[in-house]
Amino acid sequence: MTQALKDIVNHSLEELKAVEIQIIDLKGKADFADYMVIAGGTSDRHLHAMAGKVQDDAKAAGFPVLGVEGEDSRDWVLVDLGDIVVHLMRPETRQLYALDKLWSLPPKREE
């Protein structure tokens, strides 16, 4: 089920020419989702178009959209699909927060 949703998100973003799509496996690193998808957009309109496409395609396939954050933002929109959280960012915002680097690190071991 998660694989199907991952494929839908990836296809939606590719279709709208998202920049540098990265899918990060969060299993063992976070409790809020299994995967994080990070993709870049060239403008605020591009970010919002991608967010809308992801939501529409997920709903059409029967997956719930739990929430959207940043609908008024020009730099960062988040789409919560439950098992997958999608971050859509302008390049300068993506570079500033570096979520791809932060979440790609191996999980800390408890001692």
N, C-alpha and C. Protein backbone atom coordinates (compact mmCIF):
# COMPACT_ATOMS: atom_id res chain seq x y z
N MET A 1 0.82 -1.19 0.00
CA MET A 1 0.00 0.00 0.00
C MET A 1 0.87 1.26 0.00
N THR A 2 1.88 1.28 0.86
CA THR A 2 2.78 2.43 0.89
C THR A 2 3.55 2.55 -0.41
N GLN A 3 3.93 1.41 -0.99
CA GLN A 3 4.66 1.45 -2.26
C GLN A 3 3.80 2.07 -3.36
N ALA A 4 2.53 1.72 -3.39
CA ALA A 4 1.62 2.29 -4.39
C ALA A 4 1.51 3.81 -4.21
N LEU A 5 1.41 4.26 -2.98
CA LEU A 5 1.32 5.70 -2.71
C LEU A 5 2.62 6.39 -3.08
N LYS A 6 3.75 5.75 -2.77
CA LYS A 6 5.05 6.31 -3.15
C LYS A 6 5.14 6.49 -4.66
N ASP A 7 4.68 5.49 -5.40
CA ASP A 7 4.69 5.56 -6.86
C ASP A 7 3.81 6.69 -7.38
N ILE A 8 2.64 6.85 -6.76
CA ILE A 8 1.72 7.92 -7.16
C ILE A 8 2.36 9.29 -6.93
N VAL A 9 2.94 9.48 -5.76
CA VAL A 9 3.57 10.76 -5.43
C VAL A 9 4.71 11.05 -6.40
N ASN A 10 5.56 10.07 -6.61
CA ASN A 10 6.71 10.24 -7.50
C ASN A 10 6.25 10.59 -8.92
N HIS A 11 5.25 9.86 -9.42
CA HIS A 11 4.73 10.11 -10.77
C HIS A 11 4.12 11.51 -10.87
N SER A 12 3.36 11.90 -9.87
CA SER A 12 2.74 13.23 -9.86
C SER A 12 3.79 14.33 -9.93
N LEU A 13 4.84 14.16 -9.14
CA LEU A 13 5.89 15.18 -9.11
C LEU A 13 6.70 15.19 -10.40
N GLU A 14 6.99 14.01 -10.94
CA GLU A 14 7.71 13.95 -12.21
C GLU A 14 6.90 14.59 -13.33
N GLU A 15 5.60 14.35 -13.31
CA GLU A 15 4.72 14.88 -14.34
C GLU A 15 4.73 16.41 -14.37
N LEU A 16 4.88 17.02 -13.20
CA LEU A 16 4.91 18.48 -13.12
C LEU A 16 6.34 19.03 -13.03
N LYS A 17 7.30 18.20 -13.41
CA LYS A 17 8.70 18.63 -13.51
C LYS A 17 9.30 19.13 -12.19
N ALA A 18 9.04 18.40 -11.13
CA ALA A 18 9.66 18.72 -9.84
C ALA A 18 11.18 18.60 -9.96
N VAL A 19 11.88 19.39 -9.19
CA VAL A 19 13.34 19.42 -9.22
C VAL A 19 13.88 18.54 -8.09
N GLU A 20 14.81 17.66 -8.43
CA GLU A 20 15.52 16.83 -7.44
C GLU A 20 14.58 16.13 -6.46
N ILE A 21 13.80 15.21 -6.95
CA ILE A 21 12.91 14.43 -6.08
C ILE A 21 13.76 13.46 -5.27
N GLN A 22 13.57 13.48 -3.97
CA GLN A 22 14.29 12.56 -3.09
C GLN A 22 13.28 11.87 -2.17
N ILE A 23 13.37 10.55 -2.11
CA ILE A 23 12.51 9.76 -1.23
C ILE A 23 13.39 9.19 -0.12
N ILE A 24 13.05 9.53 1.12
CA ILE A 24 13.85 9.12 2.27
C ILE A 24 13.06 8.14 3.12
N ASP A 25 13.65 7.00 3.40
CA ASP A 25 13.04 5.98 4.25
C ASP A 25 13.21 6.42 5.71
N LEU A 26 12.10 6.61 6.40
CA LEU A 26 12.12 7.07 7.79
C LEU A 26 11.94 5.94 8.80
N LYS A 27 11.73 4.72 8.31
CA LYS A 27 11.50 3.62 9.24
C LYS A 27 12.70 3.46 10.17
N GLY A 28 12.43 3.44 11.47
CA GLY A 28 13.48 3.36 12.46
C GLY A 28 14.07 4.71 12.84
N LYS A 29 13.66 5.77 12.12
CA LYS A 29 14.17 7.12 12.41
C LYS A 29 13.09 8.03 12.96
N ALA A 30 11.83 7.79 12.58
CA ALA A 30 10.74 8.68 12.98
C ALA A 30 9.45 7.89 13.13
N ASP A 31 8.56 8.40 13.98
CA ASP A 31 7.27 7.75 14.20
C ASP A 31 6.15 8.35 13.36
N PHE A 32 6.35 9.54 12.82
CA PHE A 32 5.25 10.25 12.16
C PHE A 32 4.97 9.79 10.74
N ALA A 33 5.91 9.09 10.09
CA ALA A 33 5.69 8.61 8.72
C ALA A 33 6.72 7.53 8.40
N ASP A 34 6.43 6.75 7.36
CA ASP A 34 7.38 5.75 6.88
C ASP A 34 8.36 6.35 5.88
N TYR A 35 7.88 7.33 5.11
CA TYR A 35 8.72 7.95 4.08
C TYR A 35 8.52 9.46 4.06
N MET A 36 9.57 10.15 3.67
CA MET A 36 9.51 11.58 3.42
C MET A 36 9.94 11.79 1.97
N VAL A 37 9.15 12.57 1.26
CA VAL A 37 9.51 12.93 -0.11
C VAL A 37 9.82 14.42 -0.10
N ILE A 38 10.97 14.77 -0.65
CA ILE A 38 11.37 16.17 -0.74
C ILE A 38 11.57 16.48 -2.22
N ALA A 39 10.97 17.57 -2.67
CA ALA A 39 11.13 17.97 -4.07
C ALA A 39 11.16 19.48 -4.17
N GLY A 40 11.84 19.96 -5.18
CA GLY A 40 11.97 21.39 -5.38
C GLY A 40 11.01 21.91 -6.43
N GLY A 41 10.68 23.18 -6.27
CA GLY A 41 9.86 23.87 -7.25
C GLY A 41 10.52 25.17 -7.65
N THR A 42 10.20 25.66 -8.83
CA THR A 42 10.86 26.84 -9.37
C THR A 42 10.20 28.15 -8.95
N SER A 43 8.98 28.07 -8.44
CA SER A 43 8.25 29.27 -8.01
C SER A 43 7.17 28.86 -7.03
N ASP A 44 6.52 29.84 -6.39
CA ASP A 44 5.44 29.49 -5.47
C ASP A 44 4.28 28.86 -6.23
N ARG A 45 4.02 29.30 -7.45
CA ARG A 45 2.95 28.68 -8.26
C ARG A 45 3.26 27.22 -8.56
N HIS A 46 4.54 26.95 -8.84
CA HIS A 46 4.96 25.58 -9.12
C HIS A 46 4.76 24.70 -7.88
N LEU A 47 5.14 25.21 -6.70
CA LEU A 47 4.96 24.45 -5.45
C LEU A 47 3.49 24.11 -5.24
N HIS A 48 2.62 25.10 -5.41
CA HIS A 48 1.19 24.89 -5.16
C HIS A 48 0.56 23.99 -6.21
N ALA A 49 1.03 24.07 -7.45
CA ALA A 49 0.53 23.17 -8.49
C ALA A 49 0.91 21.72 -8.17
N MET A 50 2.16 21.52 -7.72
CA MET A 50 2.60 20.17 -7.36
C MET A 50 1.81 19.64 -6.17
N ALA A 51 1.60 20.48 -5.16
CA ALA A 51 0.84 20.06 -3.98
C ALA A 51 -0.57 19.66 -4.37
N GLY A 52 -1.20 20.44 -5.24
CA GLY A 52 -2.55 20.11 -5.71
C GLY A 52 -2.59 18.81 -6.48
N LYS A 53 -1.59 18.59 -7.33
CA LYS A 53 -1.53 17.36 -8.14
C LYS A 53 -1.33 16.14 -7.24
N VAL A 54 -0.44 16.25 -6.28
CA VAL A 54 -0.21 15.14 -5.35
C VAL A 54 -1.51 14.80 -4.61
N GLN A 55 -2.19 15.82 -4.11
CA GLN A 55 -3.45 15.60 -3.39
C GLN A 55 -4.50 14.96 -4.29
N ASP A 56 -4.69 15.51 -5.48
CA ASP A 56 -5.70 15.00 -6.41
C ASP A 56 -5.43 13.56 -6.80
N ASP A 57 -4.17 13.25 -7.12
CA ASP A 57 -3.83 11.89 -7.55
C ASP A 57 -3.94 10.89 -6.40
N ALA A 58 -3.55 11.30 -5.20
CA ALA A 58 -3.68 10.41 -4.04
C ALA A 58 -5.15 10.12 -3.75
N LYS A 59 -5.97 11.16 -3.75
CA LYS A 59 -7.41 10.98 -3.50
C LYS A 59 -8.05 10.11 -4.58
N ALA A 60 -7.68 10.33 -5.83
CA ALA A 60 -8.24 9.55 -6.94
C ALA A 60 -7.92 8.06 -6.81
N ALA A 61 -6.79 7.75 -6.17
CA ALA A 61 -6.39 6.36 -5.97
C ALA A 61 -6.93 5.79 -4.65
N GLY A 62 -7.69 6.60 -3.91
CA GLY A 62 -8.30 6.12 -2.67
C GLY A 62 -7.49 6.35 -1.42
N PHE A 63 -6.42 7.13 -1.50
CA PHE A 63 -5.60 7.43 -0.32
C PHE A 63 -6.07 8.74 0.30
N PRO A 64 -6.15 8.79 1.63
CA PRO A 64 -6.60 10.03 2.28
C PRO A 64 -5.48 11.08 2.32
N VAL A 65 -5.87 12.32 2.25
CA VAL A 65 -4.95 13.43 2.47
C VAL A 65 -5.26 13.95 3.87
N LEU A 66 -4.31 13.80 4.79
CA LEU A 66 -4.56 14.15 6.19
C LEU A 66 -4.42 15.63 6.47
N GLY A 67 -3.65 16.32 5.66
CA GLY A 67 -3.49 17.75 5.88
C GLY A 67 -2.52 18.38 4.91
N VAL A 68 -2.61 19.69 4.82
CA VAL A 68 -1.70 20.47 3.99
C VAL A 68 -1.28 21.69 4.82
N GLU A 69 0.00 21.93 4.87
CA GLU A 69 0.54 23.10 5.58
C GLU A 69 1.24 23.99 4.57
N GLY A 70 1.18 25.28 4.79
CA GLY A 70 1.90 26.21 3.94
C GLY A 70 1.15 26.65 2.70
N GLU A 71 -0.17 26.53 2.73
CA GLU A 71 -0.94 26.92 1.55
C GLU A 71 -0.79 28.40 1.23
N ASP A 72 -0.44 29.21 2.23
CA ASP A 72 -0.21 30.64 2.01
C ASP A 72 1.27 30.96 1.84
N SER A 73 2.11 29.94 1.89
CA SER A 73 3.55 30.14 1.83
C SER A 73 4.04 30.27 0.39
N ARG A 74 5.11 30.97 0.23
CA ARG A 74 5.73 31.11 -1.09
C ARG A 74 6.96 30.22 -1.20
N ASP A 75 7.36 29.57 -0.10
CA ASP A 75 8.62 28.84 -0.07
C ASP A 75 8.54 27.36 0.24
N TRP A 76 7.47 26.92 0.94
CA TRP A 76 7.44 25.55 1.44
C TRP A 76 6.00 25.11 1.63
N VAL A 77 5.64 23.99 1.02
CA VAL A 77 4.31 23.41 1.19
C VAL A 77 4.51 21.95 1.62
N LEU A 78 3.77 21.53 2.63
CA LEU A 78 3.84 20.16 3.12
C LEU A 78 2.49 19.49 2.89
N VAL A 79 2.51 18.28 2.33
CA VAL A 79 1.30 17.49 2.14
C VAL A 79 1.46 16.22 2.98
N ASP A 80 0.55 16.02 3.93
CA ASP A 80 0.58 14.86 4.83
C ASP A 80 -0.35 13.79 4.29
N LEU A 81 0.26 12.68 3.85
CA LEU A 81 -0.51 11.55 3.32
C LEU A 81 -0.48 10.37 4.28
N GLY A 82 -0.20 10.63 5.54
CA GLY A 82 -0.17 9.56 6.54
C GLY A 82 1.18 8.87 6.56
N ASP A 83 1.32 7.80 5.78
CA ASP A 83 2.57 7.06 5.73
C ASP A 83 3.67 7.83 5.01
N ILE A 84 3.28 8.82 4.23
CA ILE A 84 4.24 9.62 3.46
C ILE A 84 3.97 11.10 3.70
N VAL A 85 5.05 11.83 3.99
CA VAL A 85 4.96 13.29 4.13
C VAL A 85 5.75 13.89 2.96
N VAL A 86 5.11 14.79 2.23
CA VAL A 86 5.72 15.39 1.05
C VAL A 86 6.08 16.85 1.35
N HIS A 87 7.35 17.18 1.20
CA HIS A 87 7.83 18.56 1.38
C HIS A 87 8.16 19.12 0.01
N LEU A 88 7.54 20.22 -0.35
CA LEU A 88 7.79 20.89 -1.62
C LEU A 88 8.38 22.26 -1.30
N MET A 89 9.60 22.52 -1.79
CA MET A 89 10.31 23.72 -1.37
C MET A 89 10.97 24.44 -2.55
N ARG A 90 11.10 25.74 -2.39
CA ARG A 90 11.93 26.52 -3.31
C ARG A 90 13.39 26.16 -3.01
N PRO A 91 14.29 26.29 -3.99
CA PRO A 91 15.69 25.86 -3.80
C PRO A 91 16.38 26.50 -2.59
N GLU A 92 16.16 27.80 -2.38
CA GLU A 92 16.84 28.47 -1.27
C GLU A 92 16.32 27.97 0.09
N THR A 93 15.06 27.62 0.17
CA THR A 93 14.49 27.08 1.40
C THR A 93 15.01 25.67 1.65
N ARG A 94 15.07 24.90 0.58
CA ARG A 94 15.58 23.53 0.70
C ARG A 94 17.03 23.53 1.17
N GLN A 95 17.81 24.44 0.63
CA GLN A 95 19.22 24.53 1.03
C GLN A 95 19.35 24.99 2.48
N LEU A 96 18.52 25.94 2.89
CA LEU A 96 18.58 26.48 4.25
C LEU A 96 18.28 25.41 5.30
N TYR A 97 17.21 24.65 5.10
CA TYR A 97 16.78 23.66 6.10
C TYR A 97 17.45 22.30 5.93
N ALA A 98 17.92 21.99 4.74
CA ALA A 98 18.68 20.76 4.46
C ALA A 98 18.04 19.50 5.05
N LEU A 99 16.72 19.37 4.88
CA LEU A 99 16.02 18.19 5.41
C LEU A 99 16.56 16.90 4.81
N ASP A 100 16.95 16.94 3.54
CA ASP A 100 17.48 15.73 2.90
C ASP A 100 18.71 15.23 3.63
N LYS A 101 19.60 16.14 4.01
CA LYS A 101 20.80 15.73 4.74
C LYS A 101 20.46 15.30 6.17
N LEU A 102 19.61 16.06 6.82
CA LEU A 102 19.24 15.77 8.21
C LEU A 102 18.62 14.38 8.34
N TRP A 103 17.65 14.05 7.49
CA TRP A 103 16.93 12.78 7.61
C TRP A 103 17.62 11.62 6.92
N SER A 104 18.67 11.88 6.14
CA SER A 104 19.40 10.79 5.50
C SER A 104 20.46 10.20 6.42
N LEU A 105 20.70 10.87 7.55
CA LEU A 105 21.67 10.36 8.51
C LEU A 105 21.16 9.07 9.14
N PRO A 106 22.07 8.15 9.48
CA PRO A 106 21.62 6.93 10.14
C PRO A 106 21.03 7.25 11.52
N PRO A 107 20.08 6.42 11.98
CA PRO A 107 19.47 6.67 13.30
C PRO A 107 20.51 6.53 14.41
N LYS A 108 20.32 7.32 15.48
CA LYS A 108 21.22 7.22 16.63
C LYS A 108 20.94 5.93 17.38
N ARG A 109 22.01 5.33 17.87
CA ARG A 109 21.85 4.12 18.69
C ARG A 109 21.70 4.52 20.13
N GLU A 110 20.80 3.83 20.82
CA GLU A 110 20.63 4.08 22.26
C GLU A 110 21.69 3.29 23.00
N GLU A 111 22.26 3.93 24.00
CA GLU A 111 23.32 3.24 24.77
C GLU A 111 22.84 2.89 26.14
